[in-house]
């Protein structure tokens, strides 16, 4: 092979490797682990890995289940790689707080007081723009005047600028299965506790193990997960907002 052909061959190899790396970068990176004797599933993605939020189908009815999200994505030529419930909702499955999907604000930011975990101030917002992802306390999010492509509000915040939520007690006896999300740079990290844990325990996983400076609680006992590489497709009552990661069909492992 002469120098010219070798140069073209090398460039072709690099392109193939880059495409392969890009395809695998979009794959669900979920693992199981044990932290302080509790079982967790940790799933990490890049902010550009096809992360979206889903609420309703074309007919206006809540999707509610991972299979319906999967079917919606298949119509777009994409394969569902990961999904998780993504924020609190009312009985009709409508979001309690801010919800933005595809750049459309379907529910306004809520600063109201009230009962329950959502109103354990400060609460916060998980959001995705065209260039980045983040978790911000609600007032900080409002001050930034962001125009996200996707956003879901939930509560309470787990970690705020490196500190645990001030109302979490180290000696609490309130335990539950829990799931949440944190962002570290361009890395979006979802965690689900399969064993009952306190808020204090769960928040310390994000702060001390996952090292996310900000993290948001998504929900408790109803937390569910879709992760094919772990043979997980949790089923139950219909959900409200769902966060999902997908890739073009044919790029999955």
Protein backbone atom coordinates (compact mmCIF):
# COMPACT_ATOMS: atom_id res chain seq x y z
CA UNK A 1 0.00 0.00 0.00
CA UNK A 2 1.50 3.33 -1.05
CA UNK A 3 1.64 6.35 1.21
CA UNK A 4 -1.40 8.02 -0.35
CA UNK A 5 -3.62 4.97 -0.05
CA UNK A 6 -2.35 4.29 3.48
CA UNK A 7 -3.29 7.85 4.46
CA UNK A 8 -6.83 7.38 3.11
CA UNK A 9 -7.08 3.95 4.76
CA UNK A 10 -5.97 5.34 8.12
CA UNK A 11 -8.47 8.16 7.88
CA UNK A 12 -11.25 5.66 7.09
CA UNK A 13 -10.28 3.54 10.09
CA UNK A 14 -10.36 6.58 12.36
CA UNK A 15 -13.80 7.55 11.07
CA UNK A 16 -15.13 4.03 11.69
CA UNK A 17 -13.67 4.01 15.20
CA UNK A 18 -15.15 7.44 15.92
CA UNK A 19 -18.58 6.32 14.75
CA UNK A 20 -18.34 3.20 16.86
CA UNK A 21 -17.31 5.22 19.88
CA UNK A 22 -20.21 7.59 19.30
CA UNK A 23 -22.65 4.70 19.07
CA UNK A 24 -21.40 3.07 22.25
CA UNK A 25 -21.35 6.42 24.04
CA UNK A 26 -25.12 6.51 23.63
CA UNK A 27 -25.60 3.17 25.36
CA UNK A 28 -27.11 2.89 28.80
CA UNK A 29 -24.26 2.67 31.29
CA UNK A 30 -26.05 1.13 34.26
CA UNK A 31 -24.44 -0.81 37.07
CA UNK A 32 -25.54 -2.28 40.36
CA UNK A 33 -23.62 -1.59 43.54
CA UNK A 34 -23.95 -1.73 47.30
CA UNK A 35 -23.45 1.41 49.40
CA UNK A 36 -23.79 1.26 53.18
CA UNK A 37 -25.46 -2.16 52.86
CA UNK A 38 -28.16 -0.85 50.49
CA UNK A 39 -28.50 -1.96 46.88
CA UNK A 40 -28.38 0.72 44.19
CA UNK A 41 -28.58 1.01 40.42
CA UNK A 42 -26.42 3.83 39.04
CA UNK A 43 -26.82 4.92 35.41
CA UNK A 44 -24.55 7.55 33.84
CA UNK A 45 -24.86 9.36 30.52
CA UNK A 46 -23.42 12.32 28.67
CA UNK A 47 -25.74 15.31 28.41
CA UNK A 48 -25.78 14.79 24.62
CA UNK A 49 -26.73 11.10 24.80
CA UNK A 50 -30.32 11.52 23.60
CA UNK A 51 -31.90 12.28 27.00
CA UNK A 52 -35.55 13.33 26.75
CA UNK A 53 -38.67 13.70 28.88
CA UNK A 54 -42.01 12.14 27.99
CA UNK A 55 -45.48 12.71 29.37
CA UNK A 56 -48.29 12.28 26.83
CA UNK A 57 -48.77 10.47 23.55
CA UNK A 58 -50.09 11.80 20.26
CA UNK A 59 -53.66 11.30 21.49
CA UNK A 60 -53.03 13.51 24.53
CA UNK A 61 -53.29 10.65 27.02
CA UNK A 62 -50.45 10.05 29.50
CA UNK A 63 -47.97 7.45 28.25
CA UNK A 64 -47.63 6.11 31.77
CA UNK A 65 -45.53 3.03 31.00
CA UNK A 66 -42.03 2.43 29.64
CA UNK A 67 -43.41 0.28 26.81
CA UNK A 68 -45.38 3.24 25.45
CA UNK A 69 -42.28 5.41 25.53
CA UNK A 70 -40.44 2.63 23.70
CA UNK A 71 -43.19 2.46 21.05
CA UNK A 72 -43.14 6.26 20.63
CA UNK A 73 -39.39 6.18 20.05
CA UNK A 74 -39.63 3.26 17.62
CA UNK A 75 -41.88 5.37 15.40
CA UNK A 76 -39.01 7.87 15.24
CA UNK A 77 -36.49 5.15 14.36
CA UNK A 78 -34.92 5.12 17.82
CA UNK A 79 -34.35 2.43 20.43
CA UNK A 80 -35.09 2.94 24.12
CA UNK A 81 -31.97 2.28 26.21
CA UNK A 82 -32.98 3.60 29.62
CA UNK A 83 -36.01 5.06 31.36
CA UNK A 84 -37.00 6.15 34.85
CA UNK A 85 -39.87 8.03 36.47
CA UNK A 86 -38.95 11.71 36.49
CA UNK A 87 -40.84 13.79 39.00
CA UNK A 88 -43.99 13.96 41.06
CA UNK A 89 -47.45 14.12 39.57
CA UNK A 90 -51.15 14.42 40.39
CA UNK A 91 -53.74 11.64 40.11
CA UNK A 92 -54.36 12.54 36.47
CA UNK A 93 -50.58 12.07 35.86
CA UNK A 94 -50.02 15.79 35.27
CA UNK A 95 -46.79 17.20 36.75
CA UNK A 96 -46.90 18.93 40.13
CA UNK A 97 -44.32 21.52 39.08
CA UNK A 98 -42.49 22.83 36.02
CA UNK A 99 -42.52 20.56 33.03
CA UNK A 100 -40.95 21.36 29.65
CA UNK A 101 -40.93 18.92 26.74
CA UNK A 102 -39.40 19.66 23.36
CA UNK A 103 -39.05 23.32 24.31
CA UNK A 104 -42.76 23.68 25.20
CA UNK A 105 -43.62 24.63 28.77
CA UNK A 106 -46.58 22.43 29.67
CA UNK A 107 -46.63 23.35 33.37
CA UNK A 108 -45.29 26.49 35.02
CA UNK A 109 -42.63 26.61 37.74
CA UNK A 110 -44.18 26.16 41.19
CA UNK A 111 -42.98 28.16 44.20
CA UNK A 112 -46.06 27.38 46.31
CA UNK A 113 -45.86 25.94 49.80
CA UNK A 114 -47.68 22.75 50.64
CA UNK A 115 -47.46 19.28 52.12
CA UNK A 116 -45.31 16.40 50.98
CA UNK A 117 -41.80 15.93 49.69
CA UNK A 118 -42.25 18.23 46.67
CA UNK A 119 -42.71 21.21 48.99
CA UNK A 120 -39.83 20.37 51.32
CA UNK A 121 -38.03 23.57 50.36
CA UNK A 122 -35.72 24.02 48.69
CA UNK A 123 -36.94 21.89 45.82
CA UNK A 124 -35.45 22.07 42.37
CA UNK A 125 -35.36 21.48 38.62
CA UNK A 126 -33.52 19.01 36.41
CA UNK A 127 -33.13 20.54 32.95
CA UNK A 128 -31.55 19.97 29.55
CA UNK A 129 -30.65 22.64 27.02
CA UNK A 130 -29.21 22.16 23.54
CA UNK A 131 -25.70 22.36 25.02
CA UNK A 132 -25.83 21.19 28.63
CA UNK A 133 -27.70 19.60 31.53
CA UNK A 134 -28.08 20.74 35.10
CA UNK A 135 -29.84 20.59 38.44
CA UNK A 136 -30.71 23.86 40.16
CA UNK A 137 -32.63 24.88 43.26
CA UNK A 138 -35.96 26.37 42.14
CA UNK A 139 -35.20 30.01 42.97
CA UNK A 140 -31.78 29.78 41.34
CA UNK A 141 -33.39 28.26 38.23
CA UNK A 142 -35.89 31.14 38.07
CA UNK A 143 -33.11 33.73 38.39
CA UNK A 144 -31.17 32.19 35.51
CA UNK A 145 -34.15 32.67 33.15
CA UNK A 146 -33.19 29.54 31.24
CA UNK A 147 -35.12 28.31 28.21
CA UNK A 148 -34.58 24.55 28.48
CA UNK A 149 -35.51 21.98 25.89
CA UNK A 150 -36.57 19.60 28.65
CA UNK A 151 -37.18 20.23 32.34
CA UNK A 152 -38.91 18.62 35.30
CA UNK A 153 -39.39 20.07 38.77
CA UNK A 154 -39.39 17.87 41.85
CA UNK A 155 -38.38 17.97 45.47
CA UNK A 156 -36.68 18.09 47.73
CA UNK A 157 -33.22 18.94 46.52
CA UNK A 158 -30.79 16.31 47.77
CA UNK A 159 -27.54 18.23 47.38
CA UNK A 160 -27.26 22.02 46.99
CA UNK A 161 -23.87 23.41 45.99
CA UNK A 162 -22.11 20.50 47.70
CA UNK A 163 -24.21 20.56 50.89
CA UNK A 164 -26.99 18.23 51.99
CA UNK A 165 -30.54 19.58 52.23
CA UNK A 166 -30.75 21.32 55.63
CA UNK A 167 -33.79 19.35 56.77
CA UNK A 168 -32.24 15.90 56.33
CA UNK A 169 -31.50 14.18 59.64
CA UNK A 170 -28.65 11.71 60.08
CA UNK A 171 -30.68 9.77 62.67
CA UNK A 172 -33.95 9.71 60.70
CA UNK A 173 -35.94 6.47 60.78
CA UNK A 174 -38.00 7.27 57.66
CA UNK A 175 -36.82 4.83 55.00
CA UNK A 176 -38.05 4.24 51.48
CA UNK A 177 -36.94 3.19 48.03
CA UNK A 178 -35.85 6.39 46.30
CA UNK A 179 -34.59 7.67 42.97
CA UNK A 180 -32.92 10.90 41.92
CA UNK A 181 -30.63 12.66 39.47
CA UNK A 182 -27.42 14.64 39.74
CA UNK A 183 -25.19 16.39 37.21
CA UNK A 184 -21.40 16.57 37.27
CA UNK A 185 -20.03 18.62 34.39
CA UNK A 186 -21.49 17.05 31.26
CA UNK A 187 -22.30 13.78 33.06
CA UNK A 188 -25.91 13.09 34.04
CA UNK A 189 -26.18 10.47 36.78
CA UNK A 190 -29.39 8.71 37.81
CA UNK A 191 -29.54 6.62 40.98
CA UNK A 192 -32.21 4.28 42.31
CA UNK A 193 -32.10 2.74 45.79
CA UNK A 194 -33.61 -0.74 45.60
CA UNK A 195 -33.52 -1.01 49.40
CA UNK A 196 -35.24 1.46 51.75
CA UNK A 197 -32.92 4.32 52.73
CA UNK A 198 -33.29 7.66 54.51
CA UNK A 199 -33.08 10.98 52.71
CA UNK A 200 -29.76 11.60 54.47
CA UNK A 201 -28.31 8.30 53.20
CA UNK A 202 -29.56 8.85 49.68
CA UNK A 203 -28.25 12.40 49.47
CA UNK A 204 -24.81 11.33 50.71
CA UNK A 205 -24.58 8.88 47.81
CA UNK A 206 -24.82 11.80 45.39
CA UNK A 207 -22.52 14.08 47.39
CA UNK A 208 -19.86 11.64 48.60
CA UNK A 209 -19.89 8.76 46.10
CA UNK A 210 -21.15 10.21 42.83
CA UNK A 211 -19.62 13.64 43.56
CA UNK A 212 -22.46 15.65 42.05
CA UNK A 213 -22.52 19.23 43.44
CA UNK A 214 -26.29 19.38 42.94
CA UNK A 215 -28.80 16.55 42.98
CA UNK A 216 -32.58 16.30 42.93
CA UNK A 217 -34.99 13.78 44.44
CA UNK A 218 -37.42 12.38 41.87
CA UNK A 219 -39.70 10.14 43.92
CA UNK A 220 -40.03 7.38 46.49
CA UNK A 221 -41.77 4.03 46.72
CA UNK A 222 -43.09 4.12 43.12
CA UNK A 223 -39.60 4.63 41.61
CA UNK A 224 -39.15 2.41 38.57
CA UNK A 225 -36.44 1.61 36.04
CA UNK A 226 -36.03 0.40 32.47
CA UNK A 227 -32.49 -0.91 31.86
CA UNK A 228 -32.32 -3.83 29.38
CA UNK A 229 -28.68 -4.68 30.17
CA UNK A 230 -29.77 -5.32 33.77
CA UNK A 231 -32.92 -7.17 32.66
CA UNK A 232 -34.99 -4.44 34.31
CA UNK A 233 -38.37 -3.36 33.02
CA UNK A 234 -40.24 -2.43 36.18
CA UNK A 235 -44.02 -2.41 35.84
CA UNK A 236 -46.69 -0.85 38.01
CA UNK A 237 -49.34 1.85 38.14
CA UNK A 238 -49.12 4.44 35.33
CA UNK A 239 -46.44 7.11 35.80
CA UNK A 240 -46.38 10.84 35.15
CA UNK A 241 -43.19 12.32 33.64
CA UNK A 242 -40.66 9.78 32.37
CA UNK A 243 -37.02 10.46 31.52
CA UNK A 244 -35.56 8.31 28.75
CA UNK A 245 -32.34 7.80 26.83
CA UNK A 246 -32.43 6.46 23.28
CA UNK A 247 -30.19 5.89 20.28
CA UNK A 248 -30.82 5.52 16.54
CA UNK A 249 -32.08 2.01 15.81
CA UNK A 250 -29.20 -0.32 15.04
CA UNK A 251 -26.66 1.50 17.20
CA UNK A 252 -27.52 -0.35 20.41
CA UNK A 253 -25.38 -3.21 21.60
